[in-house]
Amino acid sequence: MKVLLKSKIFLILSIISCFFLFGCKANVYSDLKNGDLLFVTAKESGLSGAINNVTQKQKNVSFDHVGILEKNKEGIFVLHAAPKGGSQKQNLLDFLKDQANDGQRVVIYRLKPEYQKTIPQAIQKAETMLGKPYNFNYILDENSYYCSDYIERAFRQDHIFKLEPMTFVDPKTGKTNEFWEEFYHNKNLKVPEGELGCNPNGLAASDKLNRIKEL
């Protein structure tokens, strides 16, 4: 009898714990809004570190990827352009899992109230760009996109973000970053110094955004 009672108590506690756990998870994402921007923190080495080396604008945080949130009756998704899969629509939880597996964090930024009206058009535009391959050259191309390029294009009609001359110069040395020099050399391309482009750190520094929280 005592064993049966203990089993029932354990079962009830387990059910309560599950409700509490999933309830907490739901609350974490319930305050996310359509059009929120998800910025992924940069790694210190490899391509991620090289991107951050020449683009970091904020001392305390740096990013190497960005996507836009779409909430609808079917669920919560992230529209983004990534090396694996190109321009895609990914379930939010899968997106977060991918970043966690790579040891990176996700920070939510939101357009200020006066710019919220641009979101429906931006998401509609982002949907039309799905399926395009990833732009591994990081030189603007109408047939392939990299992450910040994808987001800038989504909001381009309303001029939320702007293209700026790119730089691949290491601020510590004043010379072209060695990673990028070799990167473009291997592609038989000239380093696109000064050509128009964008990057996640530049987008995150926009005065049209507010930082909301880290997931």
N, C-alpha and C. Protein backbone atom coordinates (compact mmCIF):
# COMPACT_ATOMS: atom_id res chain seq x y z
N MET A 1 0.83 -1.21 0.00
CA MET A 1 0.00 0.00 0.00
C MET A 1 0.87 1.26 0.00
N LYS A 2 1.91 1.26 0.88
CA LYS A 2 2.81 2.41 0.95
C LYS A 2 3.55 2.61 -0.37
N VAL A 3 3.96 1.51 -1.00
CA VAL A 3 4.67 1.58 -2.27
C VAL A 3 3.77 2.18 -3.33
N LEU A 4 2.48 1.76 -3.35
CA LEU A 4 1.51 2.26 -4.32
C LEU A 4 1.27 3.75 -4.11
N LEU A 5 1.17 4.15 -2.84
CA LEU A 5 0.95 5.56 -2.51
C LEU A 5 2.13 6.41 -2.96
N LYS A 6 3.34 5.92 -2.70
CA LYS A 6 4.54 6.64 -3.12
C LYS A 6 4.59 6.78 -4.65
N SER A 7 4.18 5.72 -5.34
CA SER A 7 4.18 5.75 -6.81
C SER A 7 3.21 6.80 -7.33
N LYS A 8 2.03 6.87 -6.69
CA LYS A 8 1.04 7.86 -7.10
C LYS A 8 1.53 9.28 -6.86
N ILE A 9 2.17 9.48 -5.70
CA ILE A 9 2.71 10.81 -5.37
C ILE A 9 3.79 11.21 -6.36
N PHE A 10 4.66 10.26 -6.70
CA PHE A 10 5.74 10.52 -7.66
C PHE A 10 5.16 10.89 -9.03
N LEU A 11 4.09 10.16 -9.44
CA LEU A 11 3.46 10.41 -10.73
C LEU A 11 2.85 11.81 -10.77
N ILE A 12 2.17 12.18 -9.68
CA ILE A 12 1.53 13.50 -9.61
C ILE A 12 2.58 14.60 -9.65
N LEU A 13 3.66 14.43 -8.89
CA LEU A 13 4.74 15.42 -8.88
C LEU A 13 5.39 15.55 -10.25
N SER A 14 5.53 14.42 -10.95
CA SER A 14 6.14 14.42 -12.28
C SER A 14 5.27 15.21 -13.26
N ILE A 15 3.94 14.99 -13.16
CA ILE A 15 3.01 15.70 -14.04
C ILE A 15 3.06 17.20 -13.77
N ILE A 16 3.07 17.56 -12.48
CA ILE A 16 3.14 18.97 -12.11
C ILE A 16 4.42 19.60 -12.62
N SER A 17 5.54 18.87 -12.49
CA SER A 17 6.84 19.37 -12.96
C SER A 17 6.83 19.61 -14.46
N CYS A 18 6.19 18.69 -15.20
CA CYS A 18 6.12 18.83 -16.65
C CYS A 18 5.33 20.07 -17.03
N PHE A 19 4.17 20.25 -16.35
CA PHE A 19 3.36 21.43 -16.64
C PHE A 19 4.13 22.70 -16.33
N PHE A 20 4.86 22.68 -15.21
CA PHE A 20 5.64 23.85 -14.82
C PHE A 20 6.76 24.13 -15.81
N LEU A 21 7.45 23.07 -16.24
CA LEU A 21 8.56 23.20 -17.17
C LEU A 21 8.09 23.76 -18.51
N PHE A 22 7.05 23.14 -19.06
CA PHE A 22 6.57 23.59 -20.36
C PHE A 22 5.87 24.94 -20.28
N GLY A 23 5.28 25.20 -19.10
CA GLY A 23 4.65 26.51 -18.90
C GLY A 23 5.70 27.60 -18.90
N CYS A 24 6.85 27.34 -18.26
CA CYS A 24 7.95 28.31 -18.23
C CYS A 24 8.49 28.54 -19.63
N LYS A 25 8.64 27.45 -20.39
CA LYS A 25 9.15 27.60 -21.76
C LYS A 25 8.20 28.43 -22.60
N ALA A 26 6.89 28.19 -22.41
CA ALA A 26 5.90 28.94 -23.19
C ALA A 26 5.99 30.42 -22.86
N ASN A 27 6.18 30.72 -21.55
CA ASN A 27 6.25 32.12 -21.12
C ASN A 27 7.48 32.81 -21.69
N VAL A 28 8.57 32.06 -21.85
CA VAL A 28 9.80 32.63 -22.38
C VAL A 28 9.58 33.17 -23.79
N TYR A 29 8.77 32.46 -24.58
CA TYR A 29 8.58 32.83 -25.97
C TYR A 29 7.28 33.58 -26.23
N SER A 30 6.37 33.62 -25.25
CA SER A 30 5.07 34.25 -25.47
C SER A 30 5.18 35.76 -25.66
N ASP A 31 6.24 36.37 -25.13
CA ASP A 31 6.37 37.82 -25.26
C ASP A 31 7.16 38.23 -26.51
N LEU A 32 7.58 37.25 -27.31
CA LEU A 32 8.23 37.57 -28.58
C LEU A 32 7.18 38.09 -29.55
N LYS A 33 7.57 39.01 -30.41
CA LYS A 33 6.63 39.63 -31.33
C LYS A 33 7.02 39.38 -32.79
N ASN A 34 6.01 39.38 -33.61
CA ASN A 34 6.23 39.27 -35.04
C ASN A 34 7.20 40.36 -35.50
N GLY A 35 8.23 39.98 -36.22
CA GLY A 35 9.19 40.97 -36.70
C GLY A 35 10.38 41.21 -35.78
N ASP A 36 10.41 40.56 -34.61
CA ASP A 36 11.59 40.67 -33.75
C ASP A 36 12.82 40.15 -34.51
N LEU A 37 13.97 40.74 -34.23
CA LEU A 37 15.21 40.30 -34.88
C LEU A 37 16.03 39.49 -33.89
N LEU A 38 16.49 38.34 -34.32
CA LEU A 38 17.27 37.44 -33.48
C LEU A 38 18.73 37.52 -33.91
N PHE A 39 19.56 38.10 -33.05
CA PHE A 39 20.98 38.24 -33.32
C PHE A 39 21.75 37.15 -32.57
N VAL A 40 22.64 36.48 -33.28
CA VAL A 40 23.41 35.38 -32.71
C VAL A 40 24.82 35.87 -32.38
N THR A 41 25.25 35.61 -31.15
CA THR A 41 26.57 36.08 -30.72
C THR A 41 27.69 35.41 -31.51
N ALA A 42 28.76 36.15 -31.72
CA ALA A 42 29.87 35.68 -32.54
C ALA A 42 30.83 34.80 -31.76
N LYS A 43 31.44 33.85 -32.47
CA LYS A 43 32.52 33.06 -31.90
C LYS A 43 33.81 33.87 -31.98
N GLU A 44 34.85 33.38 -31.36
CA GLU A 44 36.11 34.12 -31.34
C GLU A 44 37.06 33.72 -32.45
N SER A 45 36.75 32.63 -33.15
CA SER A 45 37.69 32.15 -34.18
C SER A 45 36.96 31.80 -35.47
N GLY A 46 37.72 31.41 -36.49
CA GLY A 46 37.15 31.01 -37.76
C GLY A 46 36.45 32.15 -38.47
N LEU A 47 35.49 31.79 -39.32
CA LEU A 47 34.74 32.80 -40.09
C LEU A 47 34.01 33.75 -39.16
N SER A 48 33.40 33.21 -38.11
CA SER A 48 32.67 34.05 -37.15
C SER A 48 33.59 35.09 -36.53
N GLY A 49 34.75 34.66 -36.08
CA GLY A 49 35.69 35.61 -35.47
C GLY A 49 36.20 36.63 -36.47
N ALA A 50 36.37 36.20 -37.73
CA ALA A 50 36.87 37.11 -38.76
C ALA A 50 35.83 38.18 -39.08
N ILE A 51 34.57 37.79 -39.13
CA ILE A 51 33.49 38.75 -39.36
C ILE A 51 33.46 39.77 -38.24
N ASN A 52 33.54 39.27 -37.02
CA ASN A 52 33.47 40.16 -35.87
C ASN A 52 34.69 41.08 -35.79
N ASN A 53 35.84 40.59 -36.17
CA ASN A 53 37.08 41.36 -36.08
C ASN A 53 36.99 42.67 -36.84
N VAL A 54 36.33 42.66 -37.99
CA VAL A 54 36.29 43.86 -38.82
C VAL A 54 34.95 44.60 -38.76
N THR A 55 33.99 44.08 -37.95
CA THR A 55 32.67 44.73 -37.93
C THR A 55 32.17 45.11 -36.55
N GLN A 56 32.82 44.64 -35.48
CA GLN A 56 32.29 44.88 -34.14
C GLN A 56 32.17 46.37 -33.86
N LYS A 57 30.98 46.75 -33.36
CA LYS A 57 30.71 48.16 -33.05
C LYS A 57 30.48 48.39 -31.56
N GLN A 58 30.04 47.34 -30.85
CA GLN A 58 29.75 47.47 -29.42
C GLN A 58 30.78 46.68 -28.62
N LYS A 59 31.29 47.27 -27.55
CA LYS A 59 32.35 46.65 -26.77
C LYS A 59 31.90 45.39 -26.05
N ASN A 60 30.66 45.38 -25.57
CA ASN A 60 30.22 44.29 -24.71
C ASN A 60 29.54 43.14 -25.44
N VAL A 61 29.23 43.31 -26.71
CA VAL A 61 28.55 42.25 -27.43
C VAL A 61 28.89 42.33 -28.92
N SER A 62 28.90 41.19 -29.56
CA SER A 62 29.19 41.15 -31.00
C SER A 62 28.40 40.00 -31.60
N PHE A 63 28.02 40.17 -32.87
CA PHE A 63 27.15 39.20 -33.53
C PHE A 63 27.70 38.79 -34.89
N ASP A 64 27.35 37.57 -35.30
CA ASP A 64 27.76 37.13 -36.64
C ASP A 64 26.60 36.55 -37.44
N HIS A 65 25.37 36.61 -36.90
CA HIS A 65 24.22 36.09 -37.63
C HIS A 65 22.96 36.80 -37.16
N VAL A 66 21.95 36.85 -38.04
CA VAL A 66 20.69 37.51 -37.68
C VAL A 66 19.55 36.91 -38.50
N GLY A 67 18.38 36.83 -37.89
CA GLY A 67 17.18 36.36 -38.57
C GLY A 67 15.98 37.17 -38.09
N ILE A 68 14.85 37.01 -38.74
CA ILE A 68 13.64 37.73 -38.36
C ILE A 68 12.56 36.74 -37.93
N LEU A 69 11.85 37.07 -36.87
CA LEU A 69 10.84 36.19 -36.30
C LEU A 69 9.49 36.37 -37.01
N GLU A 70 8.86 35.25 -37.31
CA GLU A 70 7.51 35.28 -37.85
C GLU A 70 6.61 34.44 -36.96
N LYS A 71 5.58 35.09 -36.39
CA LYS A 71 4.60 34.38 -35.57
C LYS A 71 3.29 34.34 -36.34
N ASN A 72 2.76 33.14 -36.51
CA ASN A 72 1.46 33.00 -37.16
C ASN A 72 0.71 31.83 -36.52
N LYS A 73 -0.44 31.49 -37.07
CA LYS A 73 -1.27 30.44 -36.48
C LYS A 73 -0.62 29.06 -36.56
N GLU A 74 0.40 28.94 -37.41
CA GLU A 74 1.08 27.66 -37.55
C GLU A 74 2.23 27.49 -36.57
N GLY A 75 2.69 28.58 -35.96
CA GLY A 75 3.78 28.49 -35.00
C GLY A 75 4.68 29.71 -35.02
N ILE A 76 5.88 29.53 -34.47
CA ILE A 76 6.87 30.60 -34.41
C ILE A 76 8.09 30.17 -35.23
N PHE A 77 8.47 31.00 -36.18
CA PHE A 77 9.54 30.63 -37.11
C PHE A 77 10.59 31.74 -37.20
N VAL A 78 11.76 31.35 -37.69
CA VAL A 78 12.83 32.31 -37.95
C VAL A 78 13.13 32.26 -39.44
N LEU A 79 13.03 33.40 -40.10
CA LEU A 79 13.40 33.52 -41.50
C LEU A 79 14.83 34.05 -41.55
N HIS A 80 15.72 33.30 -42.18
CA HIS A 80 17.12 33.72 -42.18
C HIS A 80 17.88 33.05 -43.31
N ALA A 81 19.05 33.61 -43.61
CA ALA A 81 19.94 33.04 -44.62
C ALA A 81 21.17 32.49 -43.91
N ALA A 82 21.41 31.20 -44.07
CA ALA A 82 22.50 30.54 -43.37
C ALA A 82 23.33 29.71 -44.34
N PRO A 83 24.61 29.50 -44.04
CA PRO A 83 25.47 28.68 -44.92
C PRO A 83 24.87 27.30 -45.20
N LYS A 84 24.25 26.71 -44.18
CA LYS A 84 23.61 25.41 -44.36
C LYS A 84 22.13 25.62 -44.64
N GLY A 85 21.74 25.49 -45.88
CA GLY A 85 20.32 25.60 -46.22
C GLY A 85 19.92 26.88 -46.92
N GLY A 86 20.83 27.87 -46.99
CA GLY A 86 20.51 29.12 -47.66
C GLY A 86 19.38 29.87 -46.99
N SER A 87 18.58 30.60 -47.77
CA SER A 87 17.46 31.37 -47.21
C SER A 87 16.34 30.41 -46.86
N GLN A 88 15.96 30.40 -45.59
CA GLN A 88 15.07 29.35 -45.11
C GLN A 88 14.11 29.85 -44.03
N LYS A 89 13.08 29.05 -43.80
CA LYS A 89 12.11 29.29 -42.74
C LYS A 89 12.23 28.14 -41.76
N GLN A 90 12.72 28.44 -40.56
CA GLN A 90 13.05 27.39 -39.60
C GLN A 90 12.25 27.56 -38.31
N ASN A 91 11.78 26.47 -37.76
CA ASN A 91 11.09 26.51 -36.48
C ASN A 91 11.99 27.15 -35.43
N LEU A 92 11.41 28.01 -34.60
CA LEU A 92 12.20 28.75 -33.61
C LEU A 92 13.02 27.83 -32.71
N LEU A 93 12.41 26.77 -32.21
CA LEU A 93 13.12 25.88 -31.29
C LEU A 93 14.30 25.20 -31.98
N ASP A 94 14.12 24.84 -33.24
CA ASP A 94 15.22 24.23 -33.99
C ASP A 94 16.34 25.24 -34.21
N PHE A 95 15.96 26.47 -34.50
CA PHE A 95 16.94 27.55 -34.68
C PHE A 95 17.75 27.75 -33.40
N LEU A 96 17.06 27.82 -32.27
CA LEU A 96 17.75 28.03 -30.99
C LEU A 96 18.64 26.84 -30.64
N LYS A 97 18.18 25.64 -30.97
CA LYS A 97 18.98 24.44 -30.71
C LYS A 97 20.27 24.46 -31.50
N ASP A 98 20.18 24.88 -32.77
CA ASP A 98 21.37 24.95 -33.61
C ASP A 98 22.40 25.91 -33.03
N GLN A 99 21.94 27.05 -32.53
CA GLN A 99 22.86 28.04 -31.97
C GLN A 99 23.48 27.52 -30.67
N ALA A 100 22.66 26.88 -29.85
CA ALA A 100 23.15 26.33 -28.57
C ALA A 100 24.19 25.25 -28.82
N ASN A 101 23.97 24.43 -29.84
CA ASN A 101 24.93 23.37 -30.17
C ASN A 101 26.27 23.94 -30.58
N ASP A 102 26.25 25.15 -31.14
CA ASP A 102 27.49 25.81 -31.56
C ASP A 102 28.07 26.69 -30.46
N GLY A 103 27.43 26.66 -29.28
CA GLY A 103 27.93 27.44 -28.16
C GLY A 103 27.66 28.93 -28.28
N GLN A 104 26.65 29.30 -29.08
CA GLN A 104 26.33 30.71 -29.28
C GLN A 104 24.99 31.06 -28.64
N ARG A 105 24.80 32.33 -28.33
CA ARG A 105 23.59 32.80 -27.67
C ARG A 105 22.78 33.66 -28.63
N VAL A 106 21.51 33.83 -28.31
CA VAL A 106 20.60 34.61 -29.16
C VAL A 106 20.06 35.79 -28.37
N VAL A 107 20.15 36.98 -28.95
CA VAL A 107 19.67 38.20 -28.31
C VAL A 107 18.57 38.80 -29.18
N ILE A 108 17.46 39.16 -28.54
CA ILE A 108 16.32 39.71 -29.25
C ILE A 108 16.39 41.23 -29.32
N TYR A 109 16.25 41.76 -30.53
CA TYR A 109 16.11 43.20 -30.74
C TYR A 109 14.75 43.45 -31.39
N ARG A 110 14.17 44.63 -31.12
CA ARG A 110 12.84 44.93 -31.64
C ARG A 110 12.80 46.34 -32.22
N LEU A 111 12.13 46.48 -33.35
CA LEU A 111 11.96 47.80 -33.94
C LEU A 111 11.19 48.70 -32.98
N LYS A 112 11.60 49.94 -32.89
CA LYS A 112 10.89 50.90 -32.04
C LYS A 112 9.47 51.08 -32.54
N PRO A 113 8.55 51.50 -31.66
CA PRO A 113 7.12 51.58 -32.01
C PRO A 113 6.83 52.29 -33.33
N GLU A 114 7.55 53.37 -33.62
CA GLU A 114 7.26 54.13 -34.84
C GLU A 114 7.63 53.40 -36.12
N TYR A 115 8.38 52.28 -35.99
CA TYR A 115 8.78 51.51 -37.17
C TYR A 115 8.08 50.16 -37.27
N GLN A 116 7.24 49.84 -36.28
CA GLN A 116 6.56 48.55 -36.28
C GLN A 116 5.68 48.33 -37.51
N LYS A 117 5.16 49.39 -38.07
CA LYS A 117 4.26 49.27 -39.22
C LYS A 117 4.97 48.70 -40.45
N THR A 118 6.29 48.69 -40.45
CA THR A 118 7.04 48.18 -41.60
C THR A 118 7.16 46.66 -41.59
N ILE A 119 6.82 46.02 -40.48
CA ILE A 119 7.07 44.59 -40.31
C ILE A 119 6.28 43.70 -41.27
N PRO A 120 4.96 43.88 -41.43
CA PRO A 120 4.22 42.99 -42.35
C PRO A 120 4.82 42.95 -43.76
N GLN A 121 5.17 44.12 -44.27
CA GLN A 121 5.77 44.18 -45.61
C GLN A 121 7.14 43.48 -45.62
N ALA A 122 7.91 43.66 -44.55
CA ALA A 122 9.24 43.05 -44.47
C ALA A 122 9.15 41.53 -44.45
N ILE A 123 8.23 40.99 -43.68
CA ILE A 123 8.07 39.54 -43.61
C ILE A 123 7.58 39.00 -44.95
N GLN A 124 6.67 39.73 -45.57
CA GLN A 124 6.19 39.32 -46.89
C GLN A 124 7.35 39.26 -47.89
N LYS A 125 8.21 40.27 -47.85
CA LYS A 125 9.37 40.29 -48.73
C LYS A 125 10.32 39.15 -48.39
N ALA A 126 10.55 38.92 -47.11
CA ALA A 126 11.44 37.83 -46.68
C ALA A 126 10.94 36.48 -47.18
N GLU A 127 9.62 36.30 -47.18
CA GLU A 127 9.03 35.05 -47.66
C GLU A 127 9.35 34.83 -49.15
N THR A 128 9.35 35.92 -49.92
CA THR A 128 9.61 35.79 -51.36
C THR A 128 11.05 35.42 -51.66
N MET A 129 11.94 35.63 -50.70
CA MET A 129 13.36 35.35 -50.91
C MET A 129 13.78 33.96 -50.43
N LEU A 130 12.84 33.22 -49.85
CA LEU A 130 13.15 31.88 -49.38
C LEU A 130 13.56 30.98 -50.53
N GLY A 131 14.48 30.08 -50.24
CA GLY A 131 14.93 29.13 -51.25
C GLY A 131 16.17 29.55 -52.02
N LYS A 132 16.59 30.80 -51.83
CA LYS A 132 17.80 31.27 -52.52
C LYS A 132 19.04 30.69 -51.81
N PRO A 133 20.09 30.41 -52.56
CA PRO A 133 21.32 29.89 -51.94
C PRO A 133 22.03 30.94 -51.09
N TYR A 134 22.93 30.48 -50.26
CA TYR A 134 23.71 31.39 -49.41
C TYR A 134 24.80 32.06 -50.23
N ASN A 135 25.05 33.31 -49.95
CA ASN A 135 26.09 34.07 -50.65
C ASN A 135 27.41 33.93 -49.89
N PHE A 136 28.24 33.01 -50.32
CA PHE A 136 29.50 32.74 -49.63
C PHE A 136 30.60 33.74 -49.98
N ASN A 137 30.33 34.64 -50.92
CA ASN A 137 31.34 35.64 -51.28
C ASN A 137 31.17 36.95 -50.50
N TYR A 138 30.00 37.12 -49.89
CA TYR A 138 29.70 38.34 -49.12
C TYR A 138 29.83 39.60 -49.98
N ILE A 139 29.54 39.44 -51.26
CA ILE A 139 29.49 40.56 -52.20
C ILE A 139 28.06 40.57 -52.73
N LEU A 140 27.37 41.69 -52.64
CA LEU A 140 25.95 41.75 -52.97
C LEU A 140 25.65 41.10 -54.32
N ASP A 141 24.63 40.25 -54.31
CA ASP A 141 24.27 39.44 -55.49
C ASP A 141 22.75 39.28 -55.46
N GLU A 142 22.09 39.44 -56.58
CA GLU A 142 20.64 39.33 -56.63
C GLU A 142 20.16 37.88 -56.57
N ASN A 143 21.05 36.93 -56.70
CA ASN A 143 20.65 35.52 -56.75
C ASN A 143 21.04 34.71 -55.52
N SER A 144 21.70 35.33 -54.56
CA SER A 144 22.07 34.65 -53.32
C SER A 144 22.23 35.70 -52.23
N TYR A 145 21.99 35.29 -50.98
CA TYR A 145 22.02 36.26 -49.88
C TYR A 145 22.82 35.73 -48.69
N TYR A 146 23.47 36.65 -47.98
CA TYR A 146 24.04 36.30 -46.68
C TYR A 146 23.11 36.87 -45.61
N CYS A 147 23.33 36.57 -44.35
CA CYS A 147 22.32 36.80 -43.32
C CYS A 147 21.84 38.24 -43.18
N SER A 148 22.76 39.18 -42.97
CA SER A 148 22.35 40.56 -42.78
C SER A 148 21.82 41.16 -44.08
N ASP A 149 22.35 40.69 -45.20
CA ASP A 149 21.88 41.10 -46.52
C ASP A 149 20.40 40.73 -46.68
N TYR A 150 20.06 39.53 -46.26
CA TYR A 150 18.68 39.04 -46.33
C TYR A 150 17.74 39.94 -45.52
N ILE A 151 18.16 40.32 -44.32
CA ILE A 151 17.34 41.17 -43.46
C ILE A 151 17.25 42.59 -44.01
N GLU A 152 18.37 43.14 -44.47
CA GLU A 152 18.35 44.50 -45.03
C GLU A 152 17.41 44.57 -46.21
N ARG A 153 17.43 43.56 -47.08
CA ARG A 153 16.56 43.53 -48.25
C ARG A 153 15.09 43.45 -47.83
N ALA A 154 14.80 42.69 -46.77
CA ALA A 154 13.42 42.55 -46.31
C ALA A 154 12.83 43.90 -45.92
N PHE A 155 13.65 44.76 -45.33
CA PHE A 155 13.18 46.07 -44.86
C PHE A 155 13.55 47.21 -45.82
N ARG A 156 14.13 46.88 -46.97
CA ARG A 156 14.68 47.92 -47.84
C ARG A 156 13.65 48.94 -48.31
N GLN A 157 12.46 48.50 -48.60
CA GLN A 157 11.44 49.41 -49.11
C GLN A 157 11.17 50.56 -48.14
N ASP A 158 11.30 50.28 -46.84
CA ASP A 158 11.03 51.31 -45.83
C ASP A 158 12.31 51.93 -45.27
N HIS A 159 13.45 51.60 -45.86
CA HIS A 159 14.73 52.20 -45.50
C HIS A 159 15.04 52.08 -44.00
N ILE A 160 14.74 50.90 -43.44
CA ILE A 160 15.04 50.69 -42.02
C ILE A 160 16.54 50.58 -41.78
N PHE A 161 17.21 49.85 -42.62
CA PHE A 161 18.66 49.73 -42.53
C PHE A 161 19.28 50.31 -43.80
N LYS A 162 20.56 50.53 -43.76
CA LYS A 162 21.22 51.08 -44.95
C LYS A 162 22.52 50.34 -45.24
N LEU A 163 22.82 50.28 -46.51
CA LEU A 163 24.08 49.68 -46.94
C LEU A 163 25.20 50.68 -46.70
N GLU A 164 26.35 50.18 -46.29
CA GLU A 164 27.50 51.04 -46.02
C GLU A 164 28.75 50.43 -46.66
N PRO A 165 29.77 51.24 -46.91
CA PRO A 165 31.02 50.69 -47.46
C PRO A 165 31.60 49.65 -46.50
N MET A 166 31.90 48.48 -47.03
CA MET A 166 32.45 47.42 -46.20
C MET A 166 33.95 47.63 -45.98
N THR A 167 34.41 47.13 -44.84
CA THR A 167 35.85 47.15 -44.60
C THR A 167 36.30 45.79 -44.09
N PHE A 168 37.46 45.38 -44.50
CA PHE A 168 38.03 44.11 -44.08
C PHE A 168 39.38 44.36 -43.39
N VAL A 169 39.54 45.58 -42.91
CA VAL A 169 40.77 45.98 -42.25
C VAL A 169 40.71 45.65 -40.77
N ASP A 170 41.75 45.02 -40.27
CA ASP A 170 41.87 44.73 -38.85
C ASP A 170 42.18 46.04 -38.12
N PRO A 171 41.29 46.50 -37.23
CA PRO A 171 41.52 47.78 -36.56
C PRO A 171 42.77 47.81 -35.70
N LYS A 172 43.26 46.64 -35.32
CA LYS A 172 44.47 46.58 -34.48
C LYS A 172 45.74 46.79 -35.29
N THR A 173 45.71 46.37 -36.55
CA THR A 173 46.93 46.47 -37.38
C THR A 173 46.83 47.54 -38.46
N GLY A 174 45.59 47.91 -38.81
CA GLY A 174 45.41 48.88 -39.88
C GLY A 174 45.59 48.26 -41.26
N LYS A 175 45.73 46.93 -41.31
CA LYS A 175 45.90 46.23 -42.57
C LYS A 175 44.75 45.24 -42.78
N THR A 176 44.59 44.79 -44.02
CA THR A 176 43.54 43.82 -44.31
C THR A 176 43.71 42.60 -43.41
N ASN A 177 42.63 42.19 -42.79
CA ASN A 177 42.65 41.02 -41.92
C ASN A 177 43.16 39.81 -42.70
N GLU A 178 44.10 39.07 -42.12
CA GLU A 178 44.73 37.94 -42.81
C GLU A 178 43.73 36.89 -43.25
N PHE A 179 42.72 36.66 -42.42
CA PHE A 179 41.71 35.66 -42.77
C PHE A 179 41.03 36.04 -44.07
N TRP A 180 40.61 37.32 -44.18
CA TRP A 180 39.89 37.77 -45.36
C TRP A 180 40.79 37.85 -46.59
N GLU A 181 42.03 38.18 -46.37
CA GLU A 181 42.97 38.23 -47.49
C GLU A 181 43.10 36.84 -48.12
N GLU A 182 43.26 35.84 -47.28
CA GLU A 182 43.38 34.46 -47.77
C GLU A 182 42.04 33.96 -48.31
N PHE A 183 40.94 34.35 -47.64
CA PHE A 183 39.60 33.94 -48.03
C PHE A 183 39.31 34.33 -49.48
N TYR A 184 39.56 35.59 -49.82
CA TYR A 184 39.28 36.06 -51.19
C TYR A 184 40.34 35.62 -52.19
N HIS A 185 41.56 35.46 -51.70
CA HIS A 185 42.62 34.95 -52.59
C HIS A 185 42.27 33.55 -53.08
N ASN A 186 41.75 32.71 -52.19
CA ASN A 186 41.38 31.35 -52.56
C ASN A 186 40.20 31.30 -53.53
N LYS A 187 39.43 32.37 -53.58
CA LYS A 187 38.30 32.45 -54.49
C LYS A 187 38.66 33.20 -55.78
N ASN A 188 39.93 33.60 -55.87
CA ASN A 188 40.39 34.40 -57.02
C ASN A 188 39.59 35.69 -57.17
N LEU A 189 39.28 36.28 -56.02
CA LEU A 189 38.53 37.53 -55.98
C LEU A 189 39.33 38.60 -55.25
N LYS A 190 39.09 39.83 -55.62
CA LYS A 190 39.70 40.95 -54.93
C LYS A 190 38.93 41.23 -53.65
N VAL A 191 39.62 41.54 -52.58
CA VAL A 191 38.94 41.89 -51.34
C VAL A 191 38.03 43.10 -51.63
N PRO A 192 36.72 42.97 -51.38
CA PRO A 192 35.77 44.04 -51.74
C PRO A 192 35.78 45.22 -50.78
N GLU A 193 36.95 45.69 -50.44
CA GLU A 193 37.09 46.83 -49.53
C GLU A 193 36.37 48.05 -50.13
N GLY A 194 35.50 48.66 -49.34
CA GLY A 194 34.79 49.86 -49.78
C GLY A 194 33.52 49.62 -50.55
N GLU A 195 33.25 48.37 -50.95
CA GLU A 195 32.01 48.09 -51.66
C GLU A 195 30.85 48.08 -50.67
N LEU A 196 29.65 48.39 -51.16
CA LEU A 196 28.49 48.46 -50.28
C LEU A 196 28.09 47.08 -49.77
N GLY A 197 27.69 47.05 -48.51
CA GLY A 197 27.25 45.81 -47.90
C GLY A 197 26.69 46.08 -46.52
N CYS A 198 26.54 45.03 -45.73
CA CYS A 198 26.04 45.19 -44.36
C CYS A 198 26.51 44.00 -43.54
N ASN A 199 26.33 44.08 -42.24
CA ASN A 199 26.74 42.99 -41.35
C ASN A 199 25.88 43.01 -40.09
N PRO A 200 25.81 41.91 -39.36
CA PRO A 200 24.95 41.84 -38.18
C PRO A 200 25.25 42.92 -37.13
N ASN A 201 26.54 43.20 -36.90
CA ASN A 201 26.87 44.22 -35.90
C ASN A 201 26.36 45.59 -36.31
N GLY A 202 26.43 45.89 -37.61
CA GLY A 202 25.94 47.16 -38.10
C GLY A 202 24.43 47.28 -37.93
N LEU A 203 23.71 46.19 -38.21
CA LEU A 203 22.26 46.21 -38.05
C LEU A 203 21.88 46.38 -36.58
N ALA A 204 22.57 45.65 -35.69
CA ALA A 204 22.25 45.72 -34.27
C ALA A 204 22.51 47.11 -33.69
N ALA A 205 23.40 47.87 -34.31
CA ALA A 205 23.74 49.21 -33.80
C ALA A 205 22.74 50.27 -34.28
N SER A 206 21.76 49.89 -35.08
CA SER A 206 20.79 50.85 -35.60
C SER A 206 20.01 51.54 -34.48
N ASP A 207 19.80 52.84 -34.62
CA ASP A 207 19.03 53.58 -33.62
C ASP A 207 17.53 53.34 -33.77
N LYS A 208 17.14 52.51 -34.73
CA LYS A 208 15.73 52.16 -34.90
C LYS A 208 15.34 50.93 -34.10
N LEU A 209 16.31 50.33 -33.41
CA LEU A 209 16.07 49.10 -32.64
C LEU A 209 16.25 49.30 -31.15
N ASN A 210 15.53 48.50 -30.39
CA ASN A 210 15.72 48.39 -28.95
C ASN A 210 16.14 46.97 -28.63
N ARG A 211 17.11 46.82 -27.72
CA ARG A 211 17.50 45.49 -27.26
C ARG A 211 16.45 45.04 -26.25
N ILE A 212 15.92 43.84 -26.42
CA ILE A 212 14.85 43.36 -25.54
C ILE A 212 15.37 42.41 -24.46
N LYS A 213 15.99 41.30 -24.89
CA LYS A 213 16.49 40.34 -23.92
C LYS A 213 17.30 39.26 -24.62
N GLU A 214 17.96 38.47 -23.80
CA GLU A 214 18.69 37.30 -24.32
C GLU A 214 17.86 36.07 -24.06
N LEU A 215 17.73 35.20 -25.06
CA LEU A 215 16.98 33.95 -24.87
C LEU A 215 17.87 32.89 -24.24
